[in-house]
Amino acid sequence: MLLVTAHHIAVDGLSQMQLLDELRSLYAEATGGPAAGLARAETDYADFTRWQSQMLEGPEGRRLVDYWRTQLAEPRARIELPADRRRQARRSTRAATLAVSLDAGLSDGLRQLARNESTTLYVVLLAAFKTLLFRYTGTQDVIVGTPTFGRDRP
């Protein structure tokens, strides 16, 4: 048994899928299967950090830093969602999951909307969620953190 644990900030989804695919290939090779034949990476993490550092030191990096400082500047209103119980005095990391199934017609309609707007189903659903938050809170400036691949290069 192999357990691989990584925080989503340290490993994105594409990297995780790549790692698992390579581990499957190496395991198959180690147990008598065909050679894994893994391709050598064209760049490594040091190349990526060098590229990021150069970009952040230039005009584009300054523009991005200024943008995000403005977007995330205080004061931010604390959103108050209607609740079925009082908010706890202390923050907790306890959470839950609620599975929701959408019928085929609605799912197809949402996919078509995404295609019409040249975006993804994920973005359409995120926009719907933020609209719901606005409806319940009246707060337009709600930050919703989401794990994304966010890559433009291998």
C-alpha atoms as a PDB file:
ATOM      1  CA  MET A   1       0.000   0.000   0.000  1.00  0.00           C
ATOM      2  CA  LEU A   2       1.227   3.464  -0.821  1.00  0.00           C
ATOM      3  CA  LEU A   3      -0.245   6.596   0.721  1.00  0.00           C
ATOM      4  CA  VAL A   4       0.501   9.890  -1.001  1.00  0.00           C
ATOM      5  CA  THR A   5      -0.511  12.998   0.921  1.00  0.00           C
ATOM      6  CA  ALA A   6      -0.016  16.510  -0.395  1.00  0.00           C
ATOM      7  CA  HIS A   7      -1.690  19.811   0.397  1.00  0.00           C
ATOM      8  CA  HIS A   8      -3.592  21.269  -2.550  1.00  0.00           C
ATOM      9  CA  ILE A   9      -1.429  24.391  -2.382  1.00  0.00           C
ATOM     10  CA  ALA A  10       1.709  22.316  -2.962  1.00  0.00           C
ATOM     11  CA  VAL A  11       0.387  19.945  -5.649  1.00  0.00           C
ATOM     12  CA  ASP A  12      -2.196  20.868  -8.240  1.00  0.00           C
ATOM     13  CA  GLY A  13      -4.593  18.407  -9.834  1.00  0.00           C
ATOM     14  CA  LEU A  14      -2.641  18.013 -13.073  1.00  0.00           C
ATOM     15  CA  SER A  15       0.569  17.255 -11.182  1.00  0.00           C
ATOM     16  CA  GLN A  16      -1.236  14.762  -8.979  1.00  0.00           C
ATOM     17  CA  MET A  17      -2.725  12.968 -11.986  1.00  0.00           C
ATOM     18  CA  GLN A  18       0.711  12.907 -13.645  1.00  0.00           C
ATOM     19  CA  LEU A  19       2.273  11.450 -10.497  1.00  0.00           C
ATOM     20  CA  LEU A  20      -0.366   8.722 -10.196  1.00  0.00           C
ATOM     21  CA  ASP A  21      -0.087   7.803 -13.889  1.00  0.00           C
ATOM     22  CA  GLU A  22       3.693   7.512 -13.582  1.00  0.00           C
ATOM     23  CA  LEU A  23       3.436   5.456 -10.380  1.00  0.00           C
ATOM     24  CA  ARG A  24       1.020   3.055 -12.134  1.00  0.00           C
ATOM     25  CA  SER A  25       3.454   2.655 -15.020  1.00  0.00           C
ATOM     26  CA  LEU A  26       6.426   2.123 -12.704  1.00  0.00           C
ATOM     27  CA  TYR A  27       4.497  -0.397 -10.611  1.00  0.00           C
ATOM     28  CA  ALA A  28       3.493  -2.338 -13.728  1.00  0.00           C
ATOM     29  CA  GLU A  29       7.148  -2.391 -14.831  1.00  0.00           C
ATOM     30  CA  ALA A  30       8.352  -3.476 -11.377  1.00  0.00           C
ATOM     31  CA  THR A  31       5.881  -6.389 -11.330  1.00  0.00           C
ATOM     32  CA  GLY A  32       6.930  -7.790 -14.701  1.00  0.00           C
ATOM     33  CA  GLY A  33       4.903  -5.617 -17.044  1.00  0.00           C
ATOM     34  CA  PRO A  34       6.167  -3.510 -19.921  1.00  0.00           C
ATOM     35  CA  ALA A  35       8.843  -0.868 -19.392  1.00  0.00           C
ATOM     36  CA  ALA A  36       7.360   2.338 -18.029  1.00  0.00           C
ATOM     37  CA  GLY A  37       9.047   4.435 -20.716  1.00  0.00           C
ATOM     38  CA  LEU A  38       8.538   7.677 -18.827  1.00  0.00           C
ATOM     39  CA  ALA A  39       9.402  10.800 -20.754  1.00  0.00           C
ATOM     40  CA  ARG A  40      11.970  13.112 -19.231  1.00  0.00           C
ATOM     41  CA  ALA A  41      10.492  16.419 -18.125  1.00  0.00           C
ATOM     42  CA  GLU A  42      11.466  19.313 -20.376  1.00  0.00           C
ATOM     43  CA  THR A  43      11.521  21.661 -17.403  1.00  0.00           C
ATOM     44  CA  ASP A  44      11.852  21.165 -13.681  1.00  0.00           C
ATOM     45  CA  TYR A  45      10.588  23.018 -10.644  1.00  0.00           C
ATOM     46  CA  ALA A  46      13.693  25.218 -10.539  1.00  0.00           C
ATOM     47  CA  ASP A  47      12.910  26.340 -14.129  1.00  0.00           C
ATOM     48  CA  PHE A  48       9.348  27.125 -13.104  1.00  0.00           C
ATOM     49  CA  THR A  49      10.372  29.138 -10.032  1.00  0.00           C
ATOM     50  CA  ARG A  50      12.931  31.053 -12.113  1.00  0.00           C
ATOM     51  CA  TRP A  51      10.226  31.874 -14.682  1.00  0.00           C
ATOM     52  CA  GLN A  52       7.798  32.927 -11.927  1.00  0.00           C
ATOM     53  CA  SER A  53      10.424  35.108 -10.230  1.00  0.00           C
ATOM     54  CA  GLN A  54      11.348  36.842 -13.489  1.00  0.00           C
ATOM     55  CA  MET A  55       7.698  37.452 -14.311  1.00  0.00           C
ATOM     56  CA  LEU A  56       6.928  38.825 -10.841  1.00  0.00           C
ATOM     57  CA  GLU A  57       9.954  41.164 -10.912  1.00  0.00           C
ATOM     58  CA  GLY A  58       8.849  42.757 -14.184  1.00  0.00           C
ATOM     59  CA  PRO A  59       6.000  45.112 -15.091  1.00  0.00           C
ATOM     60  CA  GLU A  60       3.470  42.279 -15.432  1.00  0.00           C
ATOM     61  CA  GLY A  61       4.296  41.029 -11.936  1.00  0.00           C
ATOM     62  CA  ARG A  62       3.885  44.521 -10.481  1.00  0.00           C
ATOM     63  CA  ARG A  63       0.569  44.870 -12.301  1.00  0.00           C
ATOM     64  CA  LEU A  64      -0.650  41.564 -10.872  1.00  0.00           C
ATOM     65  CA  VAL A  65       0.485  42.381  -7.323  1.00  0.00           C
ATOM     66  CA  ASP A  66      -1.231  45.785  -7.497  1.00  0.00           C
ATOM     67  CA  TYR A  67      -4.399  44.190  -8.846  1.00  0.00           C
ATOM     68  CA  TRP A  68      -4.613  41.577  -6.074  1.00  0.00           C
ATOM     69  CA  ARG A  69      -3.735  44.064  -3.328  1.00  0.00           C
ATOM     70  CA  THR A  70      -6.669  46.181  -4.493  1.00  0.00           C
ATOM     71  CA  GLN A  71      -8.994  43.197  -4.852  1.00  0.00           C
ATOM     72  CA  LEU A  72      -8.176  41.804  -1.409  1.00  0.00           C
ATOM     73  CA  ALA A  73      -7.810  45.089   0.473  1.00  0.00           C
ATOM     74  CA  GLU A  74      -9.460  45.626   3.849  1.00  0.00           C
ATOM     75  CA  PRO A  75     -12.003  46.305   5.058  1.00  0.00           C
ATOM     76  CA  ARG A  76     -13.957  43.309   3.870  1.00  0.00           C
ATOM     77  CA  ALA A  77     -17.485  42.916   5.104  1.00  0.00           C
ATOM     78  CA  ARG A  78     -18.092  39.729   7.045  1.00  0.00           C
ATOM     79  CA  ILE A  79     -20.897  37.956   5.274  1.00  0.00           C
ATOM     80  CA  GLU A  80     -23.734  36.736   7.405  1.00  0.00           C
ATOM     81  CA  LEU A  81     -25.546  33.781   5.938  1.00  0.00           C
ATOM     82  CA  PRO A  82     -28.960  32.885   7.285  1.00  0.00           C
ATOM     83  CA  ALA A  83     -28.442  29.834   9.448  1.00  0.00           C
ATOM     84  CA  ASP A  84     -30.496  27.212  11.177  1.00  0.00           C
ATOM     85  CA  ARG A  85     -28.335  27.589  14.310  1.00  0.00           C
ATOM     86  CA  ARG A  86     -26.132  30.208  15.957  1.00  0.00           C
ATOM     87  CA  ARG A  87     -22.584  30.728  14.738  1.00  0.00           C
ATOM     88  CA  GLN A  88     -20.013  29.125  17.031  1.00  0.00           C
ATOM     89  CA  ALA A  89     -17.954  31.488  19.163  1.00  0.00           C
ATOM     90  CA  ARG A  90     -14.752  29.816  17.968  1.00  0.00           C
ATOM     91  CA  ARG A  91     -13.885  28.835  14.427  1.00  0.00           C
ATOM     92  CA  SER A  92     -13.899  25.149  13.675  1.00  0.00           C
ATOM     93  CA  THR A  93     -12.433  23.081  10.879  1.00  0.00           C
ATOM     94  CA  ARG A  94     -15.338  20.647  11.012  1.00  0.00           C
ATOM     95  CA  ALA A  95     -17.245  20.543   7.764  1.00  0.00           C
ATOM     96  CA  ALA A  96     -19.673  18.426   5.825  1.00  0.00           C
ATOM     97  CA  THR A  97     -20.486  17.494   2.270  1.00  0.00           C
ATOM     98  CA  LEU A  98     -23.871  17.685   0.648  1.00  0.00           C
ATOM     99  CA  ALA A  99     -24.223  15.708  -2.569  1.00  0.00           C
ATOM    100  CA  VAL A 100     -26.658  17.173  -5.073  1.00  0.00           C
ATOM    101  CA  SER A 101     -27.813  15.507  -8.269  1.00  0.00           C
ATOM    102  CA  LEU A 102     -29.071  17.597 -11.165  1.00  0.00           C
ATOM    103  CA  ASP A 103     -31.471  16.072 -13.639  1.00  0.00           C
ATOM    104  CA  ALA A 104     -30.212  15.433 -17.162  1.00  0.00           C
ATOM    105  CA  GLY A 105     -32.156  18.310 -18.717  1.00  0.00           C
ATOM    106  CA  LEU A 106     -30.756  20.897 -16.304  1.00  0.00           C
ATOM    107  CA  SER A 107     -27.232  19.473 -16.658  1.00  0.00           C
ATOM    108  CA  ASP A 108     -27.464  19.643 -20.447  1.00  0.00           C
ATOM    109  CA  GLY A 109     -28.777  23.212 -20.264  1.00  0.00           C
ATOM    110  CA  LEU A 110     -25.921  24.293 -18.001  1.00  0.00           C
ATOM    111  CA  ARG A 111     -23.349  22.684 -20.321  1.00  0.00           C
ATOM    112  CA  GLN A 112     -24.935  24.470 -23.286  1.00  0.00           C
ATOM    113  CA  LEU A 113     -24.830  27.784 -21.402  1.00  0.00           C
ATOM    114  CA  ALA A 114     -21.123  27.218 -20.726  1.00  0.00           C
ATOM    115  CA  ARG A 115     -20.487  26.513 -24.427  1.00  0.00           C
ATOM    116  CA  ASN A 116     -22.493  29.587 -25.472  1.00  0.00           C
ATOM    117  CA  GLU A 117     -20.434  31.761 -23.113  1.00  0.00           C
ATOM    118  CA  SER A 118     -17.110  30.131 -24.148  1.00  0.00           C
ATOM    119  CA  THR A 119     -16.412  28.977 -20.608  1.00  0.00           C
ATOM    120  CA  THR A 120     -16.588  25.811 -18.549  1.00  0.00           C
ATOM    121  CA  LEU A 121     -19.374  24.181 -16.593  1.00  0.00           C
ATOM    122  CA  TYR A 122     -17.266  24.823 -13.496  1.00  0.00           C
ATOM    123  CA  VAL A 123     -17.330  28.599 -14.097  1.00  0.00           C
ATOM    124  CA  VAL A 124     -21.104  28.565 -14.712  1.00  0.00           C
ATOM    125  CA  LEU A 125     -21.692  26.685 -11.442  1.00  0.00           C
ATOM    126  CA  LEU A 126     -19.331  28.988  -9.542  1.00  0.00           C
ATOM    127  CA  ALA A 127     -21.200  32.036 -10.906  1.00  0.00           C
ATOM    128  CA  ALA A 128     -24.503  30.484  -9.814  1.00  0.00           C
ATOM    129  CA  PHE A 129     -23.078  29.835  -6.322  1.00  0.00           C
ATOM    130  CA  LYS A 130     -21.825  33.416  -5.994  1.00  0.00           C
ATOM    131  CA  THR A 131     -25.215  34.684  -7.191  1.00  0.00           C
ATOM    132  CA  LEU A 132     -26.876  32.599  -4.486  1.00  0.00           C
ATOM    133  CA  LEU A 133     -24.506  34.030  -1.865  1.00  0.00           C
ATOM    134  CA  PHE A 134     -25.372  37.561  -3.037  1.00  0.00           C
ATOM    135  CA  ARG A 135     -29.078  36.790  -2.863  1.00  0.00           C
ATOM    136  CA  TYR A 136     -28.796  35.549   0.738  1.00  0.00           C
ATOM    137  CA  THR A 137     -26.375  38.202   2.001  1.00  0.00           C
ATOM    138  CA  GLY A 138     -26.736  41.286  -0.205  1.00  0.00           C
ATOM    139  CA  THR A 139     -22.919  41.369  -0.298  1.00  0.00           C
ATOM    140  CA  GLN A 140     -21.505  41.734  -3.802  1.00  0.00           C
ATOM    141  CA  ASP A 141     -17.842  41.346  -2.919  1.00  0.00           C
ATOM    142  CA  VAL A 142     -17.708  37.730  -1.760  1.00  0.00           C
ATOM    143  CA  ILE A 143     -14.446  35.841  -2.121  1.00  0.00           C
ATOM    144  CA  VAL A 144     -14.862  32.156  -2.870  1.00  0.00           C
ATOM    145  CA  GLY A 145     -11.655  30.145  -2.807  1.00  0.00           C
ATOM    146  CA  THR A 146     -11.510  27.168  -5.141  1.00  0.00           C
ATOM    147  CA  PRO A 147      -8.778  24.725  -6.097  1.00  0.00           C
ATOM    148  CA  THR A 148      -8.008  25.069  -9.805  1.00  0.00           C
ATOM    149  CA  PHE A 149      -5.355  23.849 -12.182  1.00  0.00           C
ATOM    150  CA  GLY A 150      -4.572  27.404 -13.312  1.00  0.00           C
ATOM    151  CA  ARG A 151      -1.809  26.373 -15.661  1.00  0.00           C
ATOM    152  CA  ASP A 152      -0.879  27.612 -19.084  1.00  0.00           C
ATOM    153  CA  ARG A 153       2.140  25.336 -19.620  1.00  0.00           C
ATOM    154  CA  PRO A 154       3.025  21.678 -18.964  1.00  0.00           C
END
